[in-house]
């Protein structure tokens, strides 16, 4: 859904998004894959921020969803995202 508030949030984060994507990508490379929840904890990011950066990395081809799953803090099963090797 594209609302005024989501558009404003997108504009506010735009100057920082590339640096955050790199931070997330570096982390998932260092740990050989991570769930969104693990990234939130390790990098101190809000869920919406970590999730958005992971989605961008997957869409751009820098990362991919593995078949592996791990439990989150709430006990749910979450997909592990890994970096594409260069």
PDB file of N, CA and C in Angstrom:
ATOM      1  N   UNK A   1       0.850  -1.170   0.000  1.00  0.00           N
ATOM      2  CA  UNK A   1       0.000   0.000   0.000  1.00  0.00           C
ATOM      3  C   UNK A   1       0.897   1.234   0.000  1.00  0.00           C
ATOM      4  N   UNK A   2       0.668   2.149  -0.883  1.00  0.00           N
ATOM      5  CA  UNK A   2       1.463   3.361  -0.969  1.00  0.00           C
ATOM      6  C   UNK A   2       0.671   4.526  -0.393  1.00  0.00           C
ATOM      7  N   UNK A   3       0.914   4.834   0.839  1.00  0.00           N
ATOM      8  CA  UNK A   3       0.207   5.922   1.515  1.00  0.00           C
ATOM      9  C   UNK A   3       1.125   7.120   1.657  1.00  0.00           C
ATOM     10  N   UNK A   4       0.544   8.232   2.069  1.00  0.00           N
ATOM     11  CA  UNK A   4       1.356   9.426   2.310  1.00  0.00           C
ATOM     12  C   UNK A   4       2.432   9.163   3.357  1.00  0.00           C
ATOM     13  N   UNK A   5       2.080   8.412   4.388  1.00  0.00           N
ATOM     14  CA  UNK A   5       3.051   8.152   5.454  1.00  0.00           C
ATOM     15  C   UNK A   5       4.164   7.233   4.982  1.00  0.00           C
ATOM     16  N   UNK A   6       3.840   6.214   4.179  1.00  0.00           N
ATOM     17  CA  UNK A   6       4.897   5.330   3.688  1.00  0.00           C
ATOM     18  C   UNK A   6       5.791   6.060   2.698  1.00  0.00           C
ATOM     19  N   UNK A   7       5.224   6.949   1.910  1.00  0.00           N
ATOM     20  CA  UNK A   7       6.027   7.750   0.977  1.00  0.00           C
ATOM     21  C   UNK A   7       6.966   8.674   1.752  1.00  0.00           C
ATOM     22  N   UNK A   8       6.473   9.248   2.818  1.00  0.00           N
ATOM     23  CA  UNK A   8       7.307  10.129   3.645  1.00  0.00           C
ATOM     24  C   UNK A   8       8.429   9.342   4.310  1.00  0.00           C
ATOM     25  N   UNK A   9       8.120   8.161   4.779  1.00  0.00           N
ATOM     26  CA  UNK A   9       9.133   7.308   5.407  1.00  0.00           C
ATOM     27  C   UNK A   9      10.201   6.915   4.394  1.00  0.00           C
ATOM     28  N   UNK A  10       9.762   6.582   3.196  1.00  0.00           N
ATOM     29  CA  UNK A  10      10.703   6.215   2.134  1.00  0.00           C
ATOM     30  C   UNK A  10      11.647   7.374   1.831  1.00  0.00           C
ATOM     31  N   UNK A  11      11.117   8.569   1.720  1.00  0.00           N
ATOM     32  CA  UNK A  11      11.939   9.750   1.450  1.00  0.00           C
ATOM     33  C   UNK A  11      12.908  10.035   2.588  1.00  0.00           C
ATOM     34  N   UNK A  12      12.459   9.837   3.814  1.00  0.00           N
ATOM     35  CA  UNK A  12      13.298  10.120   4.973  1.00  0.00           C
ATOM     36  C   UNK A  12      14.483   9.160   5.061  1.00  0.00           C
ATOM     37  N   UNK A  13      14.270   7.915   4.680  1.00  0.00           N
ATOM     38  CA  UNK A  13      15.312   6.898   4.807  1.00  0.00           C
ATOM     39  C   UNK A  13      16.223   6.848   3.577  1.00  0.00           C
ATOM     40  N   UNK A  14      15.780   7.373   2.455  1.00  0.00           N
ATOM     41  CA  UNK A  14      16.514   7.263   1.188  1.00  0.00           C
ATOM     42  C   UNK A  14      17.995   7.633   1.287  1.00  0.00           C
ATOM     43  N   UNK A  15      18.368   8.723   1.949  1.00  0.00           N
ATOM     44  CA  UNK A  15      19.791   9.068   2.013  1.00  0.00           C
ATOM     45  C   UNK A  15      20.641   8.055   2.782  1.00  0.00           C
ATOM     46  N   UNK A  16      20.005   7.226   3.602  1.00  0.00           N
ATOM     47  CA  UNK A  16      20.722   6.280   4.456  1.00  0.00           C
ATOM     48  C   UNK A  16      20.580   4.824   3.992  1.00  0.00           C
ATOM     49  N   UNK A  17      19.698   4.576   3.056  1.00  0.00           N
ATOM     50  CA  UNK A  17      19.369   3.206   2.665  1.00  0.00           C
ATOM     51  C   UNK A  17      20.568   2.446   2.117  1.00  0.00           C
ATOM     52  N   UNK A  18      21.375   3.072   1.282  1.00  0.00           N
ATOM     53  CA  UNK A  18      22.528   2.375   0.688  1.00  0.00           C
ATOM     54  C   UNK A  18      23.511   1.933   1.768  1.00  0.00           C
ATOM     55  N   UNK A  19      23.781   2.807   2.724  1.00  0.00           N
ATOM     56  CA  UNK A  19      24.704   2.453   3.809  1.00  0.00           C
ATOM     57  C   UNK A  19      24.138   1.327   4.667  1.00  0.00           C
ATOM     58  N   UNK A  20      22.829   1.362   4.905  1.00  0.00           N
ATOM     59  CA  UNK A  20      22.200   0.304   5.700  1.00  0.00           C
ATOM     60  C   UNK A  20      22.207  -1.026   4.940  1.00  0.00           C
ATOM     61  N   UNK A  21      21.966  -0.982   3.621  1.00  0.00           N
ATOM     62  CA  UNK A  21      22.027  -2.213   2.813  1.00  0.00           C
ATOM     63  C   UNK A  21      23.413  -2.831   2.893  1.00  0.00           C
ATOM     64  N   UNK A  22      24.437  -1.993   2.787  1.00  0.00           N
ATOM     65  CA  UNK A  22      25.811  -2.487   2.866  1.00  0.00           C
ATOM     66  C   UNK A  22      26.095  -3.094   4.231  1.00  0.00           C
ATOM     67  N   UNK A  23      25.599  -2.464   5.276  1.00  0.00           N
ATOM     68  CA  UNK A  23      25.776  -2.980   6.636  1.00  0.00           C
ATOM     69  C   UNK A  23      25.128  -4.354   6.775  1.00  0.00           C
ATOM     70  N   UNK A  24      23.914  -4.498   6.258  1.00  0.00           N
ATOM     71  CA  UNK A  24      23.200  -5.777   6.315  1.00  0.00           C
ATOM     72  C   UNK A  24      23.920  -6.819   5.464  1.00  0.00           C
ATOM     73  N   UNK A  25      24.314  -6.456   4.256  1.00  0.00           N
ATOM     74  CA  UNK A  25      25.004  -7.391   3.369  1.00  0.00           C
ATOM     75  C   UNK A  25      26.324  -7.853   3.982  1.00  0.00           C
ATOM     76  N   UNK A  26      27.069  -6.934   4.552  1.00  0.00           N
ATOM     77  CA  UNK A  26      28.334  -7.287   5.210  1.00  0.00           C
ATOM     78  C   UNK A  26      28.081  -8.266   6.347  1.00  0.00           C
ATOM     79  N   UNK A  27      27.051  -8.008   7.121  1.00  0.00           N
ATOM     80  CA  UNK A  27      26.734  -8.902   8.246  1.00  0.00           C
ATOM     81  C   UNK A  27      26.365 -10.305   7.763  1.00  0.00           C
ATOM     82  N   UNK A  28      25.492 -10.403   6.767  1.00  0.00           N
ATOM     83  CA  UNK A  28      25.086 -11.749   6.338  1.00  0.00           C
ATOM     84  C   UNK A  28      26.250 -12.487   5.677  1.00  0.00           C
ATOM     85  N   UNK A  29      27.200 -11.761   5.107  1.00  0.00           N
ATOM     86  CA  UNK A  29      28.412 -12.413   4.584  1.00  0.00           C
ATOM     87  C   UNK A  29      29.275 -12.923   5.732  1.00  0.00           C
ATOM     88  N   UNK A  30      29.448 -12.107   6.753  1.00  0.00           N
ATOM     89  CA  UNK A  30      30.303 -12.468   7.884  1.00  0.00           C
ATOM     90  C   UNK A  30      29.788 -13.676   8.645  1.00  0.00           C
ATOM     91  N   UNK A  31      28.466 -13.806   8.751  1.00  0.00           N
ATOM     92  CA  UNK A  31      27.901 -14.896   9.543  1.00  0.00           C
ATOM     93  C   UNK A  31      27.354 -16.031   8.680  1.00  0.00           C
ATOM     94  N   UNK A  32      27.588 -15.954   7.385  1.00  0.00           N
ATOM     95  CA  UNK A  32      27.155 -16.987   6.441  1.00  0.00           C
ATOM     96  C   UNK A  32      25.637 -17.185   6.460  1.00  0.00           C
ATOM     97  N   UNK A  33      24.914 -16.063   6.444  1.00  0.00           N
ATOM     98  CA  UNK A  33      23.454 -16.097   6.391  1.00  0.00           C
ATOM     99  C   UNK A  33      22.825 -15.768   7.728  1.00  0.00           C
ATOM    100  N   UNK A  34      21.676 -15.093   7.671  1.00  0.00           N
ATOM    101  CA  UNK A  34      20.991 -14.696   8.898  1.00  0.00           C
ATOM    102  C   UNK A  34      19.508 -14.500   8.616  1.00  0.00           C
ATOM    103  N   UNK A  35      18.724 -14.627   9.663  1.00  0.00           N
ATOM    104  CA  UNK A  35      17.304 -14.295   9.566  1.00  0.00           C
ATOM    105  C   UNK A  35      17.159 -12.796   9.794  1.00  0.00           C
ATOM    106  N   UNK A  36      16.011 -12.268   9.454  1.00  0.00           N
ATOM    107  CA  UNK A  36      15.749 -10.853   9.704  1.00  0.00           C
ATOM    108  C   UNK A  36      15.858 -10.570  11.201  1.00  0.00           C
ATOM    109  N   UNK A  37      15.338 -11.453  12.020  1.00  0.00           N
ATOM    110  CA  UNK A  37      15.384 -11.283  13.468  1.00  0.00           C
ATOM    111  C   UNK A  37      16.827 -11.224  13.962  1.00  0.00           C
ATOM    112  N   UNK A  38      17.681 -12.086  13.431  1.00  0.00           N
ATOM    113  CA  UNK A  38      19.092 -12.082  13.830  1.00  0.00           C
ATOM    114  C   UNK A  38      19.769 -10.768  13.432  1.00  0.00           C
ATOM    115  N   UNK A  39      19.408 -10.251  12.265  1.00  0.00           N
ATOM    116  CA  UNK A  39      19.969  -8.975  11.810  1.00  0.00           C
ATOM    117  C   UNK A  39      19.498  -7.840  12.714  1.00  0.00           C
ATOM    118  N   UNK A  40      18.227  -7.853  13.072  1.00  0.00           N
ATOM    119  CA  UNK A  40      17.698  -6.832  13.973  1.00  0.00           C
ATOM    120  C   UNK A  40      18.506  -6.792  15.263  1.00  0.00           C
ATOM    121  N   UNK A  41      18.777  -7.959  15.824  1.00  0.00           N
ATOM    122  CA  UNK A  41      19.523  -8.046  17.079  1.00  0.00           C
ATOM    123  C   UNK A  41      20.972  -7.605  16.881  1.00  0.00           C
ATOM    124  N   UNK A  42      21.636  -8.166  15.890  1.00  0.00           N
ATOM    125  CA  UNK A  42      23.063  -7.907  15.677  1.00  0.00           C
ATOM    126  C   UNK A  42      23.354  -6.455  15.316  1.00  0.00           C
ATOM    127  N   UNK A  43      22.484  -5.859  14.516  1.00  0.00           N
ATOM    128  CA  UNK A  43      22.745  -4.505  14.023  1.00  0.00           C
ATOM    129  C   UNK A  43      21.918  -3.431  14.721  1.00  0.00           C
ATOM    130  N   UNK A  44      21.063  -3.844  15.649  1.00  0.00           N
ATOM    131  CA  UNK A  44      20.248  -2.879  16.384  1.00  0.00           C
ATOM    132  C   UNK A  44      19.245  -2.155  15.508  1.00  0.00           C
ATOM    133  N   UNK A  45      18.706  -2.849  14.521  1.00  0.00           N
ATOM    134  CA  UNK A  45      17.742  -2.245  13.597  1.00  0.00           C
ATOM    135  C   UNK A  45      16.325  -2.596  13.989  1.00  0.00           C
ATOM    136  N   UNK A  46      15.408  -1.709  13.637  1.00  0.00           N
ATOM    137  CA  UNK A  46      13.989  -2.016  13.793  1.00  0.00           C
ATOM    138  C   UNK A  46      13.626  -3.061  12.737  1.00  0.00           C
ATOM    139  N   UNK A  47      12.575  -3.824  13.019  1.00  0.00           N
ATOM    140  CA  UNK A  47      12.160  -4.872  12.090  1.00  0.00           C
ATOM    141  C   UNK A  47      11.890  -4.314  10.693  1.00  0.00           C
ATOM    142  N   UNK A  48      11.160  -3.213  10.618  1.00  0.00           N
ATOM    143  CA  UNK A  48      10.797  -2.652   9.313  1.00  0.00           C
ATOM    144  C   UNK A  48      12.028  -2.255   8.518  1.00  0.00           C
ATOM    145  N   UNK A  49      13.033  -1.744   9.178  1.00  0.00           N
ATOM    146  CA  UNK A  49      14.264  -1.334   8.508  1.00  0.00           C
ATOM    147  C   UNK A  49      15.034  -2.539   8.000  1.00  0.00           C
ATOM    148  N   UNK A  50      15.241  -3.522   8.862  1.00  0.00           N
ATOM    149  CA  UNK A  50      15.992  -4.716   8.466  1.00  0.00           C
ATOM    150  C   UNK A  50      15.269  -5.468   7.353  1.00  0.00           C
ATOM    151  N   UNK A  51      13.967  -5.618   7.488  1.00  0.00           N
ATOM    152  CA  UNK A  51      13.178  -6.330   6.488  1.00  0.00           C
ATOM    153  C   UNK A  51      13.240  -5.637   5.124  1.00  0.00           C
ATOM    154  N   UNK A  52      13.115  -4.322   5.129  1.00  0.00           N
ATOM    155  CA  UNK A  52      13.160  -3.571   3.876  1.00  0.00           C
ATOM    156  C   UNK A  52      14.517  -3.691   3.204  1.00  0.00           C
ATOM    157  N   UNK A  53      15.601  -3.613   3.979  1.00  0.00           N
ATOM    158  CA  UNK A  53      16.930  -3.720   3.390  1.00  0.00           C
ATOM    159  C   UNK A  53      17.174  -5.125   2.850  1.00  0.00           C
ATOM    160  N   UNK A  54      16.692  -6.151   3.540  1.00  0.00           N
ATOM    161  CA  UNK A  54      16.824  -7.520   3.031  1.00  0.00           C
ATOM    162  C   UNK A  54      16.050  -7.698   1.735  1.00  0.00           C
ATOM    163  N   UNK A  55      14.845  -7.169   1.681  1.00  0.00           N
ATOM    164  CA  UNK A  55      14.035  -7.259   0.467  1.00  0.00           C
ATOM    165  C   UNK A  55      14.756  -6.594  -0.699  1.00  0.00           C
ATOM    166  N   UNK A  56      15.333  -5.437  -0.448  1.00  0.00           N
ATOM    167  CA  UNK A  56      16.076  -4.731  -1.498  1.00  0.00           C
ATOM    168  C   UNK A  56      17.282  -5.547  -1.964  1.00  0.00           C
ATOM    169  N   UNK A  57      17.990  -6.163  -1.022  1.00  0.00           N
ATOM    170  CA  UNK A  57      19.161  -6.971  -1.385  1.00  0.00           C
ATOM    171  C   UNK A  57      18.766  -8.193  -2.205  1.00  0.00           C
ATOM    172  N   UNK A  58      17.666  -8.824  -1.853  1.00  0.00           N
ATOM    173  CA  UNK A  58      17.188  -9.987  -2.611  1.00  0.00           C
ATOM    174  C   UNK A  58      16.748  -9.553  -4.011  1.00  0.00           C
ATOM    175  N   UNK A  59      15.973  -8.484  -4.096  1.00  0.00           N
ATOM    176  CA  UNK A  59      15.494  -8.000  -5.399  1.00  0.00           C
ATOM    177  C   UNK A  59      16.630  -7.576  -6.314  1.00  0.00           C
ATOM    178  N   UNK A  60      17.710  -7.044  -5.728  1.00  0.00           N
ATOM    179  CA  UNK A  60      18.837  -6.576  -6.541  1.00  0.00           C
ATOM    180  C   UNK A  60      19.795  -7.708  -6.919  1.00  0.00           C
ATOM    181  N   UNK A  61      19.568  -8.912  -6.355  1.00  0.00           N
ATOM    182  CA  UNK A  61      20.419 -10.052  -6.683  1.00  0.00           C
ATOM    183  C   UNK A  61      21.673 -10.175  -5.833  1.00  0.00           C
ATOM    184  N   UNK A  62      21.788  -9.375  -4.776  1.00  0.00           N
ATOM    185  CA  UNK A  62      22.953  -9.447  -3.897  1.00  0.00           C
ATOM    186  C   UNK A  62      22.788 -10.490  -2.786  1.00  0.00           C
ATOM    187  N   UNK A  63      21.554 -10.905  -2.568  1.00  0.00           N
ATOM    188  CA  UNK A  63      21.262 -11.899  -1.529  1.00  0.00           C
ATOM    189  C   UNK A  63      20.126 -12.789  -2.026  1.00  0.00           C
ATOM    190  N   UNK A  64      19.947 -13.915  -1.357  1.00  0.00           N
ATOM    191  CA  UNK A  64      18.883 -14.845  -1.739  1.00  0.00           C
ATOM    192  C   UNK A  64      18.332 -15.552  -0.511  1.00  0.00           C
ATOM    193  N   UNK A  65      17.098 -16.004  -0.645  1.00  0.00           N
ATOM    194  CA  UNK A  65      16.449 -16.758   0.424  1.00  0.00           C
ATOM    195  C   UNK A  65      16.899 -18.212   0.321  1.00  0.00           C
ATOM    196  N   UNK A  66      17.444 -18.730   1.406  1.00  0.00           N
ATOM    197  CA  UNK A  66      17.870 -20.124   1.431  1.00  0.00           C
ATOM    198  C   UNK A  66      16.680 -21.007   1.816  1.00  0.00           C
ATOM    199  N   UNK A  67      16.889 -22.307   1.779  1.00  0.00           N
ATOM    200  CA  UNK A  67      15.836 -23.224   2.229  1.00  0.00           C
ATOM    201  C   UNK A  67      15.884 -23.417   3.746  1.00  0.00           C
ATOM    202  N   UNK A  68      16.930 -22.910   4.382  1.00  0.00           N
ATOM    203  CA  UNK A  68      17.103 -23.058   5.828  1.00  0.00           C
ATOM    204  C   UNK A  68      16.172 -22.119   6.582  1.00  0.00           C
ATOM    205  N   UNK A  69      15.735 -22.583   7.737  1.00  0.00           N
ATOM    206  CA  UNK A  69      14.900 -21.774   8.631  1.00  0.00           C
ATOM    207  C   UNK A  69      15.452 -21.904  10.040  1.00  0.00           C
ATOM    208  N   UNK A  70      15.281 -20.821  10.815  1.00  0.00           N
ATOM    209  CA  UNK A  70      15.699 -20.823  12.216  1.00  0.00           C
ATOM    210  C   UNK A  70      14.618 -20.123  13.039  1.00  0.00           C
ATOM    211  N   UNK A  71      14.540 -20.453  14.321  1.00  0.00           N
ATOM    212  CA  UNK A  71      13.527 -19.814  15.163  1.00  0.00           C
ATOM    213  C   UNK A  71      13.889 -18.360  15.482  1.00  0.00           C
ATOM    214  N   UNK A  72      12.855 -17.530  15.565  1.00  0.00           N
ATOM    215  CA  UNK A  72      13.031 -16.136  15.961  1.00  0.00           C
ATOM    216  C   UNK A  72      12.895 -16.027  17.477  1.00  0.00           C
ATOM    217  N   UNK A  73      13.033 -14.826  17.991  1.00  0.00           N
ATOM    218  CA  UNK A  73      12.861 -14.606  19.439  1.00  0.00           C
ATOM    219  C   UNK A  73      11.472 -14.998  19.901  1.00  0.00           C
ATOM    220  N   UNK A  74      10.489 -14.884  19.008  1.00  0.00           N
ATOM    221  CA  UNK A  74       9.115 -15.232  19.387  1.00  0.00           C
ATOM    222  C   UNK A  74       8.816 -16.714  19.176  1.00  0.00           C
ATOM    223  N   UNK A  75       9.786 -17.457  18.661  1.00  0.00           N
ATOM    224  CA  UNK A  75       9.602 -18.889  18.454  1.00  0.00           C
ATOM    225  C   UNK A  75       9.086 -19.266  17.077  1.00  0.00           C
ATOM    226  N   UNK A  76       8.836 -18.279  16.227  1.00  0.00           N
ATOM    227  CA  UNK A  76       8.391 -18.560  14.861  1.00  0.00           C
ATOM    228  C   UNK A  76       9.581 -19.006  14.014  1.00  0.00           C
ATOM    229  N   UNK A  77       9.280 -19.661  12.921  1.00  0.00           N
ATOM    230  CA  UNK A  77      10.307 -20.105  11.996  1.00  0.00           C
ATOM    231  C   UNK A  77      10.546 -19.021  10.948  1.00  0.00           C
ATOM    232  N   UNK A  78      11.808 -18.657  10.742  1.00  0.00           N
ATOM    233  CA  UNK A  78      12.133 -17.602   9.781  1.00  0.00           C
ATOM    234  C   UNK A  78      13.161 -18.102   8.774  1.00  0.00           C
ATOM    235  N   UNK A  79      13.026 -17.644   7.569  1.00  0.00           N
ATOM    236  CA  UNK A  79      13.940 -18.020   6.485  1.00  0.00           C
ATOM    237  C   UNK A  79      15.308 -17.348   6.669  1.00  0.00           C
ATOM    238  N   UNK A  80      16.359 -18.082   6.378  1.00  0.00           N
ATOM    239  CA  UNK A  80      17.724 -17.544   6.415  1.00  0.00           C
ATOM    240  C   UNK A  80      18.016 -16.918   5.060  1.00  0.00           C
ATOM    241  N   UNK A  81      18.548 -15.711   5.079  1.00  0.00           N
ATOM    242  CA  UNK A  81      18.958 -14.990   3.875  1.00  0.00           C
ATOM    243  C   UNK A  81      20.482 -15.036   3.805  1.00  0.00           C
ATOM    244  N   UNK A  82      21.015 -15.376   2.641  1.00  0.00           N
ATOM    245  CA  UNK A  82      22.465 -15.454   2.454  1.00  0.00           C
ATOM    246  C   UNK A  82      22.899 -14.512   1.335  1.00  0.00           C
ATOM    247  N   UNK A  83      24.154 -14.120   1.397  1.00  0.00           N
ATOM    248  CA  UNK A  83      24.722 -13.255   0.367  1.00  0.00           C
ATOM    249  C   UNK A  83      25.135 -14.085  -0.835  1.00  0.00           C
ATOM    250  N   UNK A  84      24.938 -13.523  -2.007  1.00  0.00           N
ATOM    251  CA  UNK A  84      25.417 -14.154  -3.234  1.00  0.00           C
ATOM    252  C   UNK A  84      26.935 -14.049  -3.214  1.00  0.00           C
ATOM    253  N   UNK A  85      27.617 -15.145  -3.491  1.00  0.00           N
ATOM    254  CA  UNK A  85      29.075 -15.113  -3.500  1.00  0.00           C
ATOM    255  C   UNK A  85      29.566 -14.456  -4.783  1.00  0.00           C
ATOM    256  N   UNK A  86      30.670 -13.793  -4.649  1.00  0.00           N
ATOM    257  CA  UNK A  86      31.204 -13.044  -5.793  1.00  0.00           C
ATOM    258  C   UNK A  86      32.227 -13.825  -6.549  1.00  0.00           C
TER     259      UNK A  86
END
